[in-house]
Amino acid sequence: MELRGALAVVTGASSGIGAATAARLHEAGARLILHGRDERRLAELAERTGGSVVTADFADPAAVSAAAGEIRRLGEVDILVNNAGIGWAGPVAEMTAADVARLVQVNLTAPLELTRALLPGLLARPRASLMFVTSIAGRTAVAGESVYSAVKAGLDTFAESLRFELAGTRVHVGVVVPGVVDTEFFTRRGRPYERRSPKPVPSDRVASAIVDALRRDQADRYVPGWLKLPVTVRGALPSVYRALASRFGGSG
């Protein structure tokens, strides 16, 4: 897809992968609508990129609908990067009902609803793209992140189903699957990343992959690329994968 001149929405653009993706899209000549919760950070990013700001907390279902309406008023969207997300780490028995509801709302319901609301406009464009930032946790499962893994798997499946549904239209659907990324995500989820391997990759590396996948109309992209191996093993040899994951995996 040609990015220069395209109007791109990036959710979760206040920091991390979202902020880096917005910067990369700006460099590629795209126009931007920046969504996030942190007004100060969004304003600073908008000043650097010339983007428009939509501030909303997607933990509030009503905020998603309001944000969609504001986005539609700002212009005809060509690209939607569904990146906003939150984490939670620890035994599922220690989660409250509110913890579960918030994780499902932000990571799954919000991108589904935003996509549904903006899709008619995307279908009317000469060329458009939907990009979903999921997680390796949704493809392999991670101990201590069961609900997070579940909602990311749900988003992954939604993207795949939507790809089939939109076949033959001018809307491309892509998924970028990051592993461990060096962002504030781990601080905010309540537990830092403590494993020695794999080492976190920079958020800009994921952002570069997102932009490249948009350019190439790529369906799937792993960051780093070797993450495709455990997914392949899990699909082909599930019992072998489970044995290896039990021995070497652990929580994130």
Foldseek 3Di string as FASTA:
>chain_A
DQLAAAEEEFAQCLWFLNVLLLVVSLVSHHEYEYEEADPVSVVVSCVVRVHHYDYFDQLDVVRLVVSLVVVVVVHQHAEYELEWAAFAFADPVPDDPSNLSSRLRGLAVSVVVSCVSNVVSNLPDPAHEYEYEAELCLLQNFPRGRSNNVRSVVVVVVLVVVQVVQPPTRYFGAYEYEYAAPICRQVRNPHHDDDPPDDHHYSNVSSVVRVVCVVVSNHYHYVVRVSVVLSVCCVPPVVVSVVCCVVPNHHD
